[in-house]
Amino acid sequence: MQLTYRGITYEYTPPTVEETEGTLSGRYRGLDWQFCNVQKQPVQQTNVELKYRGVSYNPAETVAVNAPEEKARYRMMKRDRRVQKRQRSMLSRLAGEVGLGLAF
C-alpha cells in the first residue's frame, strides 16, 4: 500500500497478525461477537534513517542505552538529585526557624 505524508510517498505493508478463535462469545446490541486471541504480538522495527535537528539516528541503535555504565551513571545522578533536594528542604526549614525568610 502506498501512502503519502507531507508530500513524501512511502510503501507501507501492515504486519500480519496470527490469531485463534476464542471460546467466549456473546451477543451485543443484536450482533454476535467472539473473542480472538493473538498468538504473538507484532513488533515493528524501522529501517528508516531518521533525523532530528539535522542529526541522523537509528532507533534500533538507541536501545544500547541500557548499558551497565549508563545505568550506574543514571543511578548516581538520581541519588545526587535526591540529596540536593533533601539539603534544600533542610536549609529552608532551618531558615524558617531562625527567621531569615530565605527561600532555597
PDB file of N, CA and C in Angstrom:
ATOM      1  N   MET A   1       0.858  -1.156   0.000  1.00  0.00           N
ATOM      2  CA  MET A   1       0.000   0.000   0.000  1.00  0.00           C
ATOM      3  C   MET A   1       0.910   1.227   0.000  1.00  0.00           C
ATOM      4  N   GLN A   2       0.634   2.153  -0.872  1.00  0.00           N
ATOM      5  CA  GLN A   2       1.452   3.357  -0.966  1.00  0.00           C
ATOM      6  C   GLN A   2       0.730   4.503  -0.259  1.00  0.00           C
ATOM      7  N   LEU A   3       1.429   5.125   0.693  1.00  0.00           N
ATOM      8  CA  LEU A   3       0.877   6.226   1.467  1.00  0.00           C
ATOM      9  C   LEU A   3       1.700   7.487   1.237  1.00  0.00           C
ATOM     10  N   THR A   4       1.112   8.622   1.581  1.00  0.00           N
ATOM     11  CA  THR A   4       1.796   9.900   1.455  1.00  0.00           C
ATOM     12  C   THR A   4       1.663  10.663   2.759  1.00  0.00           C
ATOM     13  N   TYR A   5       2.782  11.216   3.234  1.00  0.00           N
ATOM     14  CA  TYR A   5       2.773  12.036   4.431  1.00  0.00           C
ATOM     15  C   TYR A   5       3.623  13.264   4.159  1.00  0.00           C
ATOM     16  N   ARG A   6       3.014  14.441   4.243  1.00  0.00           N
ATOM     17  CA  ARG A   6       3.676  15.718   3.992  1.00  0.00           C
ATOM     18  C   ARG A   6       4.400  15.737   2.653  1.00  0.00           C
ATOM     19  N   GLY A   7       3.746  15.172   1.639  1.00  0.00           N
ATOM     20  CA  GLY A   7       4.290  15.206   0.301  1.00  0.00           C
ATOM     21  C   GLY A   7       5.290  14.122  -0.021  1.00  0.00           C
ATOM     22  N   ILE A   8       5.623  13.270   0.946  1.00  0.00           N
ATOM     23  CA  ILE A   8       6.585  12.195   0.721  1.00  0.00           C
ATOM     24  C   ILE A   8       5.812  10.882   0.654  1.00  0.00           C
ATOM     25  N   THR A   9       5.979  10.157  -0.432  1.00  0.00           N
ATOM     26  CA  THR A   9       5.297   8.879  -0.568  1.00  0.00           C
ATOM     27  C   THR A   9       6.203   7.765  -0.069  1.00  0.00           C
ATOM     28  N   TYR A  10       5.576   6.754   0.528  1.00  0.00           N
ATOM     29  CA  TYR A  10       6.320   5.598   1.005  1.00  0.00           C
ATOM     30  C   TYR A  10       5.435   4.365   0.900  1.00  0.00           C
ATOM     31  N   GLU A  11       6.078   3.227   0.916  1.00  0.00           N
ATOM     32  CA  GLU A  11       5.379   1.951   0.811  1.00  0.00           C
ATOM     33  C   GLU A  11       5.134   1.409   2.217  1.00  0.00           C
ATOM     34  N   TYR A  12       3.901   1.037   2.493  1.00  0.00           N
ATOM     35  CA  TYR A  12       3.540   0.524   3.813  1.00  0.00           C
ATOM     36  C   TYR A  12       2.968  -0.872   3.672  1.00  0.00           C
ATOM     37  N   THR A  13       3.534  -1.790   4.400  1.00  0.00           N
ATOM     38  CA  THR A  13       2.980  -3.143   4.445  1.00  0.00           C
ATOM     39  C   THR A  13       2.573  -3.418   5.876  1.00  0.00           C
ATOM     40  N   PRO A  14       1.278  -3.535   6.136  1.00  0.00           N
ATOM     41  CA  PRO A  14       0.836  -3.767   7.515  1.00  0.00           C
ATOM     42  C   PRO A  14       1.294  -5.135   8.006  1.00  0.00           C
ATOM     43  N   PRO A  15       1.610  -5.244   9.299  1.00  0.00           N
ATOM     44  CA  PRO A  15       2.065  -6.531   9.832  1.00  0.00           C
ATOM     45  C   PRO A  15       0.902  -7.529   9.857  1.00  0.00           C
ATOM     46  N   THR A  16       1.226  -8.781   9.616  1.00  0.00           N
ATOM     47  CA  THR A  16       0.204  -9.816   9.699  1.00  0.00           C
ATOM     48  C   THR A  16       0.170 -10.333  11.127  1.00  0.00           C
ATOM     49  N   VAL A  17      -1.021 -10.533  11.622  1.00  0.00           N
ATOM     50  CA  VAL A  17      -1.202 -10.981  12.996  1.00  0.00           C
ATOM     51  C   VAL A  17      -1.942 -12.310  12.965  1.00  0.00           C
ATOM     52  N   GLU A  18      -1.315 -13.332  13.535  1.00  0.00           N
ATOM     53  CA  GLU A  18      -1.964 -14.634  13.621  1.00  0.00           C
ATOM     54  C   GLU A  18      -2.854 -14.651  14.853  1.00  0.00           C
ATOM     55  N   GLU A  19      -4.062 -15.144  14.687  1.00  0.00           N
ATOM     56  CA  GLU A  19      -4.990 -15.180  15.808  1.00  0.00           C
ATOM     57  C   GLU A  19      -5.757 -16.483  15.788  1.00  0.00           C
ATOM     58  N   THR A  20      -6.238 -16.870  16.951  1.00  0.00           N
ATOM     59  CA  THR A  20      -7.056 -18.071  17.079  1.00  0.00           C
ATOM     60  C   THR A  20      -8.432 -17.661  17.557  1.00  0.00           C
ATOM     61  N   GLU A  21      -9.415 -18.443  17.192  1.00  0.00           N
ATOM     62  CA  GLU A  21     -10.778 -18.171  17.626  1.00  0.00           C
ATOM     63  C   GLU A  21     -10.883 -18.438  19.131  1.00  0.00           C
ATOM     64  N   GLY A  22     -11.510 -17.539  19.833  1.00  0.00           N
ATOM     65  CA  GLY A  22     -11.696 -17.705  21.261  1.00  0.00           C
ATOM     66  C   GLY A  22     -12.944 -18.519  21.565  1.00  0.00           C
ATOM     67  N   THR A  23     -13.037 -18.950  22.804  1.00  0.00           N
ATOM     68  CA  THR A  23     -14.192 -19.745  23.200  1.00  0.00           C
ATOM     69  C   THR A  23     -15.322 -18.872  23.709  1.00  0.00           C
ATOM     70  N   LEU A  24     -15.012 -17.665  24.186  1.00  0.00           N
ATOM     71  CA  LEU A  24     -16.047 -16.771  24.682  1.00  0.00           C
ATOM     72  C   LEU A  24     -16.753 -16.094  23.518  1.00  0.00           C
ATOM     73  N   SER A  25     -18.034 -16.081  23.566  1.00  0.00           N
ATOM     74  CA  SER A  25     -18.787 -15.377  22.545  1.00  0.00           C
ATOM     75  C   SER A  25     -20.062 -14.861  23.192  1.00  0.00           C
ATOM     76  N   GLY A  26     -20.737 -13.979  22.510  1.00  0.00           N
ATOM     77  CA  GLY A  26     -21.953 -13.418  23.066  1.00  0.00           C
ATOM     78  C   GLY A  26     -22.710 -12.610  22.042  1.00  0.00           C
ATOM     79  N   ARG A  27     -23.643 -11.857  22.542  1.00  0.00           N
ATOM     80  CA  ARG A  27     -24.471 -11.034  21.686  1.00  0.00           C
ATOM     81  C   ARG A  27     -24.525  -9.642  22.304  1.00  0.00           C
ATOM     82  N   TYR A  28     -24.243  -8.608  21.513  1.00  0.00           N
ATOM     83  CA  TYR A  28     -24.270  -7.233  21.992  1.00  0.00           C
ATOM     84  C   TYR A  28     -25.042  -6.399  20.988  1.00  0.00           C
ATOM     85  N   ARG A  29     -26.095  -5.764  21.441  1.00  0.00           N
ATOM     86  CA  ARG A  29     -26.971  -4.935  20.608  1.00  0.00           C
ATOM     87  C   ARG A  29     -27.401  -5.645  19.327  1.00  0.00           C
ATOM     88  N   GLY A  30     -27.721  -6.902  19.491  1.00  0.00           N
ATOM     89  CA  GLY A  30     -28.243  -7.663  18.378  1.00  0.00           C
ATOM     90  C   GLY A  30     -27.197  -8.261  17.461  1.00  0.00           C
ATOM     91  N   LEU A  31     -25.922  -8.027  17.723  1.00  0.00           N
ATOM     92  CA  LEU A  31     -24.857  -8.573  16.878  1.00  0.00           C
ATOM     93  C   LEU A  31     -24.063  -9.621  17.644  1.00  0.00           C
ATOM     94  N   ASP A  32     -23.675 -10.682  16.959  1.00  0.00           N
ATOM     95  CA  ASP A  32     -22.848 -11.719  17.570  1.00  0.00           C
ATOM     96  C   ASP A  32     -21.395 -11.260  17.596  1.00  0.00           C
ATOM     97  N   TRP A  33     -20.696 -11.607  18.641  1.00  0.00           N
ATOM     98  CA  TRP A  33     -19.273 -11.288  18.729  1.00  0.00           C
ATOM     99  C   TRP A  33     -18.560 -12.466  19.338  1.00  0.00           C
ATOM    100  N   GLN A  34     -17.242 -12.541  19.079  1.00  0.00           N
ATOM    101  CA  GLN A  34     -16.417 -13.608  19.610  1.00  0.00           C
ATOM    102  C   GLN A  34     -15.008 -13.072  19.813  1.00  0.00           C
ATOM    103  N   PHE A  35     -14.380 -13.444  20.928  1.00  0.00           N
ATOM    104  CA  PHE A  35     -13.019 -13.009  21.198  1.00  0.00           C
ATOM    105  C   PHE A  35     -12.049 -13.723  20.283  1.00  0.00           C
ATOM    106  N   CYS A  36     -11.014 -13.015  19.859  1.00  0.00           N
ATOM    107  CA  CYS A  36      -9.909 -13.598  19.100  1.00  0.00           C
ATOM    108  C   CYS A  36      -8.639 -13.372  19.901  1.00  0.00           C
ATOM    109  N   ASN A  37      -7.856 -14.412  20.050  1.00  0.00           N
ATOM    110  CA  ASN A  37      -6.618 -14.328  20.817  1.00  0.00           C
ATOM    111  C   ASN A  37      -5.437 -14.204  19.869  1.00  0.00           C
ATOM    112  N   VAL A  38      -4.577 -13.227  20.113  1.00  0.00           N
ATOM    113  CA  VAL A  38      -3.379 -13.025  19.300  1.00  0.00           C
ATOM    114  C   VAL A  38      -2.319 -13.989  19.794  1.00  0.00           C
ATOM    115  N   GLN A  39      -1.728 -14.751  18.865  1.00  0.00           N
ATOM    116  CA  GLN A  39      -0.718 -15.733  19.258  1.00  0.00           C
ATOM    117  C   GLN A  39       0.620 -15.083  19.567  1.00  0.00           C
ATOM    118  N   LYS A  40       1.013 -14.099  18.771  1.00  0.00           N
ATOM    119  CA  LYS A  40       2.284 -13.414  19.012  1.00  0.00           C
ATOM    120  C   LYS A  40       2.085 -11.941  18.724  1.00  0.00           C
ATOM    121  N   GLN A  41       2.490 -11.090  19.666  1.00  0.00           N
ATOM    122  CA  GLN A  41       2.332  -9.655  19.493  1.00  0.00           C
ATOM    123  C   GLN A  41       3.268  -9.167  18.394  1.00  0.00           C
ATOM    124  N   PRO A  42       2.771  -8.378  17.455  1.00  0.00           N
ATOM    125  CA  PRO A  42       3.650  -7.877  16.397  1.00  0.00           C
ATOM    126  C   PRO A  42       4.589  -6.793  16.935  1.00  0.00           C
ATOM    127  N   VAL A  43       5.843  -6.874  16.519  1.00  0.00           N
ATOM    128  CA  VAL A  43       6.838  -5.876  16.892  1.00  0.00           C
ATOM    129  C   VAL A  43       7.331  -5.245  15.604  1.00  0.00           C
ATOM    130  N   GLN A  44       7.140  -3.960  15.502  1.00  0.00           N
ATOM    131  CA  GLN A  44       7.545  -3.276  14.290  1.00  0.00           C
ATOM    132  C   GLN A  44       8.941  -2.693  14.457  1.00  0.00           C
ATOM    133  N   GLN A  45       9.799  -3.027  13.525  1.00  0.00           N
ATOM    134  CA  GLN A  45      11.150  -2.486  13.512  1.00  0.00           C
ATOM    135  C   GLN A  45      11.272  -1.555  12.320  1.00  0.00           C
ATOM    136  N   THR A  46      11.888  -0.435  12.538  1.00  0.00           N
ATOM    137  CA  THR A  46      12.060   0.512  11.450  1.00  0.00           C
ATOM    138  C   THR A  46      13.457   0.396  10.870  1.00  0.00           C
ATOM    139  N   ASN A  47      13.554   0.545   9.584  1.00  0.00           N
ATOM    140  CA  ASN A  47      14.856   0.552   8.941  1.00  0.00           C
ATOM    141  C   ASN A  47      15.084   1.893   8.251  1.00  0.00           C
ATOM    142  N   VAL A  48      14.372   2.891   8.708  1.00  0.00           N
ATOM    143  CA  VAL A  48      14.443   4.223   8.123  1.00  0.00           C
ATOM    144  C   VAL A  48      15.508   5.028   8.857  1.00  0.00           C
ATOM    145  N   GLU A  49      16.283   5.783   8.128  1.00  0.00           N
ATOM    146  CA  GLU A  49      17.263   6.684   8.742  1.00  0.00           C
ATOM    147  C   GLU A  49      16.533   7.964   9.117  1.00  0.00           C
ATOM    148  N   LEU A  50      16.416   8.229  10.391  1.00  0.00           N
ATOM    149  CA  LEU A  50      15.683   9.392  10.872  1.00  0.00           C
ATOM    150  C   LEU A  50      16.628  10.538  11.179  1.00  0.00           C
ATOM    151  N   LYS A  51      16.094  11.758  11.165  1.00  0.00           N
ATOM    152  CA  LYS A  51      16.876  12.943  11.502  1.00  0.00           C
ATOM    153  C   LYS A  51      16.108  13.774  12.508  1.00  0.00           C
ATOM    154  N   TYR A  52      16.821  14.277  13.518  1.00  0.00           N
ATOM    155  CA  TYR A  52      16.254  15.188  14.484  1.00  0.00           C
ATOM    156  C   TYR A  52      17.191  16.362  14.609  1.00  0.00           C
ATOM    157  N   ARG A  53      16.709  17.537  14.220  1.00  0.00           N
ATOM    158  CA  ARG A  53      17.505  18.763  14.239  1.00  0.00           C
ATOM    159  C   ARG A  53      18.817  18.600  13.489  1.00  0.00           C
ATOM    160  N   GLY A  54      18.742  17.910  12.354  1.00  0.00           N
ATOM    161  CA  GLY A  54      19.910  17.758  11.500  1.00  0.00           C
ATOM    162  C   GLY A  54      20.836  16.620  11.864  1.00  0.00           C
ATOM    163  N   VAL A  55      20.561  15.893  12.961  1.00  0.00           N
ATOM    164  CA  VAL A  55      21.414  14.789  13.377  1.00  0.00           C
ATOM    165  C   VAL A  55      20.721  13.481  13.029  1.00  0.00           C
ATOM    166  N   SER A  56      21.392  12.636  12.276  1.00  0.00           N
ATOM    167  CA  SER A  56      20.824  11.347  11.897  1.00  0.00           C
ATOM    168  C   SER A  56      20.938  10.369  13.055  1.00  0.00           C
ATOM    169  N   TYR A  57      19.924   9.517  13.189  1.00  0.00           N
ATOM    170  CA  TYR A  57      19.971   8.474  14.200  1.00  0.00           C
ATOM    171  C   TYR A  57      19.098   7.315  13.755  1.00  0.00           C
ATOM    172  N   ASN A  58      19.350   6.166  14.344  1.00  0.00           N
ATOM    173  CA  ASN A  58      18.585   4.963  14.067  1.00  0.00           C
ATOM    174  C   ASN A  58      18.009   4.486  15.395  1.00  0.00           C
ATOM    175  N   PRO A  59      16.681   4.366  15.529  1.00  0.00           N
ATOM    176  CA  PRO A  59      16.100   3.945  16.799  1.00  0.00           C
ATOM    177  C   PRO A  59      16.573   2.582  17.265  1.00  0.00           C
ATOM    178  N   ALA A  60      16.923   1.700  16.350  1.00  0.00           N
ATOM    179  CA  ALA A  60      17.403   0.376  16.743  1.00  0.00           C
ATOM    180  C   ALA A  60      18.733   0.472  17.481  1.00  0.00           C
ATOM    181  N   GLU A  61      19.533   1.482  17.181  1.00  0.00           N
ATOM    182  CA  GLU A  61      20.822   1.648  17.840  1.00  0.00           C
ATOM    183  C   GLU A  61      20.701   2.312  19.202  1.00  0.00           C
ATOM    184  N   THR A  62      19.620   3.018  19.460  1.00  0.00           N
ATOM    185  CA  THR A  62      19.470   3.710  20.733  1.00  0.00           C
ATOM    186  C   THR A  62      19.056   2.774  21.853  1.00  0.00           C
ATOM    187  N   VAL A  63      18.799   1.505  21.558  1.00  0.00           N
ATOM    188  CA  VAL A  63      18.418   0.543  22.588  1.00  0.00           C
ATOM    189  C   VAL A  63      19.594   0.251  23.504  1.00  0.00           C
ATOM    190  N   ALA A  64      20.820   0.439  23.035  1.00  0.00           N
ATOM    191  CA  ALA A  64      22.014   0.136  23.810  1.00  0.00           C
ATOM    192  C   ALA A  64      22.254   1.112  24.944  1.00  0.00           C
ATOM    193  N   VAL A  65      21.316   2.022  25.210  1.00  0.00           N
ATOM    194  CA  VAL A  65      21.475   2.994  26.296  1.00  0.00           C
ATOM    195  C   VAL A  65      21.458   2.297  27.642  1.00  0.00           C
ATOM    196  N   ASN A  66      20.871   1.111  27.709  1.00  0.00           N
ATOM    197  CA  ASN A  66      20.776   0.404  28.975  1.00  0.00           C
ATOM    198  C   ASN A  66      22.050  -0.350  29.328  1.00  0.00           C
ATOM    199  N   ALA A  67      23.163   0.131  28.846  1.00  0.00           N
ATOM    200  CA  ALA A  67      24.447  -0.472  29.190  1.00  0.00           C
ATOM    201  C   ALA A  67      24.697  -0.279  30.683  1.00  0.00           C
ATOM    202  N   PRO A  68      25.483  -1.160  31.305  1.00  0.00           N
ATOM    203  CA  PRO A  68      25.733  -1.044  32.749  1.00  0.00           C
ATOM    204  C   PRO A  68      26.314   0.303  33.162  1.00  0.00           C
ATOM    205  N   GLU A  69      27.186   0.888  32.323  1.00  0.00           N
ATOM    206  CA  GLU A  69      27.779   2.175  32.681  1.00  0.00           C
ATOM    207  C   GLU A  69      26.717   3.271  32.708  1.00  0.00           C
ATOM    208  N   GLU A  70      25.788   3.228  31.745  1.00  0.00           N
ATOM    209  CA  GLU A  70      24.727   4.236  31.702  1.00  0.00           C
ATOM    210  C   GLU A  70      23.778   4.079  32.883  1.00  0.00           C
ATOM    211  N   LYS A  71      23.491   2.844  33.258  1.00  0.00           N
ATOM    212  CA  LYS A  71      22.621   2.614  34.413  1.00  0.00           C
ATOM    213  C   LYS A  71      23.268   3.152  35.680  1.00  0.00           C
ATOM    214  N   ALA A  72      24.556   2.879  35.851  1.00  0.00           N
ATOM    215  CA  ALA A  72      25.266   3.352  37.033  1.00  0.00           C
ATOM    216  C   ALA A  72      25.289   4.880  37.063  1.00  0.00           C
ATOM    217  N   ARG A  73      25.528   5.490  35.922  1.00  0.00           N
ATOM    218  CA  ARG A  73      25.551   6.958  35.845  1.00  0.00           C
ATOM    219  C   ARG A  73      24.184   7.539  36.185  1.00  0.00           C
ATOM    220  N   TYR A  74      23.119   6.917  35.652  1.00  0.00           N
ATOM    221  CA  TYR A  74      21.768   7.394  35.932  1.00  0.00           C
ATOM    222  C   TYR A  74      21.447   7.274  37.418  1.00  0.00           C
ATOM    223  N   ARG A  75      21.807   6.152  38.027  1.00  0.00           N
ATOM    224  CA  ARG A  75      21.533   5.967  39.459  1.00  0.00           C
ATOM    225  C   ARG A  75      22.290   6.981  40.301  1.00  0.00           C
ATOM    226  N   MET A  76      23.556   7.266  39.935  1.00  0.00           N
ATOM    227  CA  MET A  76      24.351   8.234  40.684  1.00  0.00           C
ATOM    228  C   MET A  76      23.732   9.632  40.569  1.00  0.00           C
ATOM    229  N   MET A  77      23.306  10.011  39.353  1.00  0.00           N
ATOM    230  CA  MET A  77      22.706  11.327  39.170  1.00  0.00           C
ATOM    231  C   MET A  77      21.383  11.431  39.931  1.00  0.00           C
ATOM    232  N   LYS A  78      20.605  10.362  39.931  1.00  0.00           N
ATOM    233  CA  LYS A  78      19.333  10.358  40.655  1.00  0.00           C
ATOM    234  C   LYS A  78      19.572  10.495  42.163  1.00  0.00           C
ATOM    235  N   ARG A  79      20.601   9.798  42.664  1.00  0.00           N
ATOM    236  CA  ARG A  79      20.927   9.896  44.086  1.00  0.00           C
ATOM    237  C   ARG A  79      21.368  11.315  44.445  1.00  0.00           C
ATOM    238  N   ASP A  80      22.195  11.929  43.595  1.00  0.00           N
ATOM    239  CA  ASP A  80      22.655  13.292  43.843  1.00  0.00           C
ATOM    240  C   ASP A  80      21.479  14.274  43.870  1.00  0.00           C
ATOM    241  N   ARG A  81      20.507  14.082  42.959  1.00  0.00           N
ATOM    242  CA  ARG A  81      19.332  14.963  42.963  1.00  0.00           C
ATOM    243  C   ARG A  81      18.528  14.825  44.240  1.00  0.00           C
ATOM    244  N   ARG A  82      18.390  13.575  44.716  1.00  0.00           N
ATOM    245  CA  ARG A  82      17.651  13.359  45.968  1.00  0.00           C
ATOM    246  C   ARG A  82      18.360  14.028  47.138  1.00  0.00           C
ATOM    247  N   VAL A  83      19.697  13.913  47.186  1.00  0.00           N
ATOM    248  CA  VAL A  83      20.473  14.529  48.267  1.00  0.00           C
ATOM    249  C   VAL A  83      20.332  16.049  48.214  1.00  0.00           C
ATOM    250  N   GLN A  84      20.440  16.633  47.017  1.00  0.00           N
ATOM    251  CA  GLN A  84      20.302  18.083  46.896  1.00  0.00           C
ATOM    252  C   GLN A  84      18.908  18.548  47.303  1.00  0.00           C
ATOM    253  N   LYS A  85      17.905  17.805  46.944  1.00  0.00           N
ATOM    254  CA  LYS A  85      16.539  18.171  47.304  1.00  0.00           C
ATOM    255  C   LYS A  85      16.358  18.122  48.822  1.00  0.00           C
ATOM    256  N   ARG A  86      16.900  17.072  49.461  1.00  0.00           N
ATOM    257  CA  ARG A  86      16.805  16.957  50.909  1.00  0.00           C
ATOM    258  C   ARG A  86      17.560  18.094  51.592  1.00  0.00           C
ATOM    259  N   GLN A  87      18.745  18.449  51.083  1.00  0.00           N
ATOM    260  CA  GLN A  87      19.521  19.534  51.676  1.00  0.00           C
ATOM    261  C   GLN A  87      18.794  20.868  51.551  1.00  0.00           C
ATOM    262  N   ARG A  88      18.191  21.137  50.375  1.00  0.00           N
ATOM    263  CA  ARG A  88      17.423  22.376  50.205  1.00  0.00           C
ATOM    264  C   ARG A  88      16.252  22.438  51.165  1.00  0.00           C
ATOM    265  N   SER A  89      15.591  21.312  51.363  1.00  0.00           N
ATOM    266  CA  SER A  89      14.456  21.265  52.276  1.00  0.00           C
ATOM    267  C   SER A  89      14.905  21.560  53.710  1.00  0.00           C
ATOM    268  N   MET A  90      16.015  20.946  54.106  1.00  0.00           N
ATOM    269  CA  MET A  90      16.506  21.164  55.462  1.00  0.00           C
ATOM    270  C   MET A  90      16.963  22.612  55.660  1.00  0.00           C
ATOM    271  N   LEU A  91      17.616  23.200  54.652  1.00  0.00           N
ATOM    272  CA  LEU A  91      18.060  24.588  54.757  1.00  0.00           C
ATOM    273  C   LEU A  91      16.881  25.552  54.831  1.00  0.00           C
ATOM    274  N   SER A  92      15.839  25.284  54.053  1.00  0.00           N
ATOM    275  CA  SER A  92      14.684  26.188  54.104  1.00  0.00           C
ATOM    276  C   SER A  92      13.970  26.076  55.449  1.00  0.00           C
ATOM    277  N   ARG A  93      13.896  24.855  56.016  1.00  0.00           N
ATOM    278  CA  ARG A  93      13.296  24.707  57.346  1.00  0.00           C
ATOM    279  C   ARG A  93      14.110  25.448  58.406  1.00  0.00           C
ATOM    280  N   LEU A  94      15.423  25.308  58.322  1.00  0.00           N
ATOM    281  CA  LEU A  94      16.300  25.982  59.280  1.00  0.00           C
ATOM    282  C   LEU A  94      16.176  27.498  59.151  1.00  0.00           C
ATOM    283  N   ALA A  95      16.121  27.994  57.912  1.00  0.00           N
ATOM    284  CA  ALA A  95      15.985  29.435  57.702  1.00  0.00           C
ATOM    285  C   ALA A  95      14.653  29.922  58.262  1.00  0.00           C
ATOM    286  N   GLY A  96      13.610  29.109  58.158  1.00  0.00           N
ATOM    287  CA  GLY A  96      12.312  29.489  58.720  1.00  0.00           C
ATOM    288  C   GLY A  96      12.336  29.529  60.238  1.00  0.00           C
ATOM    289  N   GLU A  97      13.035  28.573  60.854  1.00  0.00           N
ATOM    290  CA  GLU A  97      13.124  28.539  62.313  1.00  0.00           C
ATOM    291  C   GLU A  97      13.937  29.708  62.847  1.00  0.00           C
ATOM    292  N   VAL A  98      14.992  30.056  62.152  1.00  0.00           N
ATOM    293  CA  VAL A  98      15.845  31.161  62.575  1.00  0.00           C
ATOM    294  C   VAL A  98      15.170  32.496  62.305  1.00  0.00           C
ATOM    295  N   GLY A  99      14.333  32.527  61.289  1.00  0.00           N
ATOM    296  CA  GLY A  99      13.625  33.754  60.956  1.00  0.00           C
ATOM    297  C   GLY A  99      14.267  34.545  59.849  1.00  0.00           C
ATOM    298  N   LEU A 100      15.037  33.897  59.014  1.00  0.00           N
ATOM    299  CA  LEU A 100      15.683  34.591  57.920  1.00  0.00           C
ATOM    300  C   LEU A 100      14.719  34.853  56.760  1.00  0.00           C
ATOM    301  N   GLY A 101      13.777  33.944  56.561  1.00  0.00           N
ATOM    302  CA  GLY A 101      12.799  34.129  55.491  1.00  0.00           C
ATOM    303  C   GLY A 101      13.380  33.936  54.105  1.00  0.00           C
ATOM    304  N   LEU A 102      14.448  33.157  53.993  1.00  0.00           N
ATOM    305  CA  LEU A 102      15.062  32.898  52.694  1.00  0.00           C
ATOM    306  C   LEU A 102      14.398  31.691  52.047  1.00  0.00           C
ATOM    307  N   ALA A 103      14.345  31.716  50.746  1.00  0.00           N
ATOM    308  CA  ALA A 103      13.803  30.578  50.007  1.00  0.00           C
ATOM    309  C   ALA A 103      14.918  29.931  49.198  1.00  0.00           C
ATOM    310  N   PHE A 104      15.068  28.630  49.345  1.00  0.00           N
ATOM    311  CA  PHE A 104      16.121  27.913  48.619  1.00  0.00           C
ATOM    312  C   PHE A 104      15.507  27.123  47.503  1.00  0.00           C
TER     313      PHE A 104
END
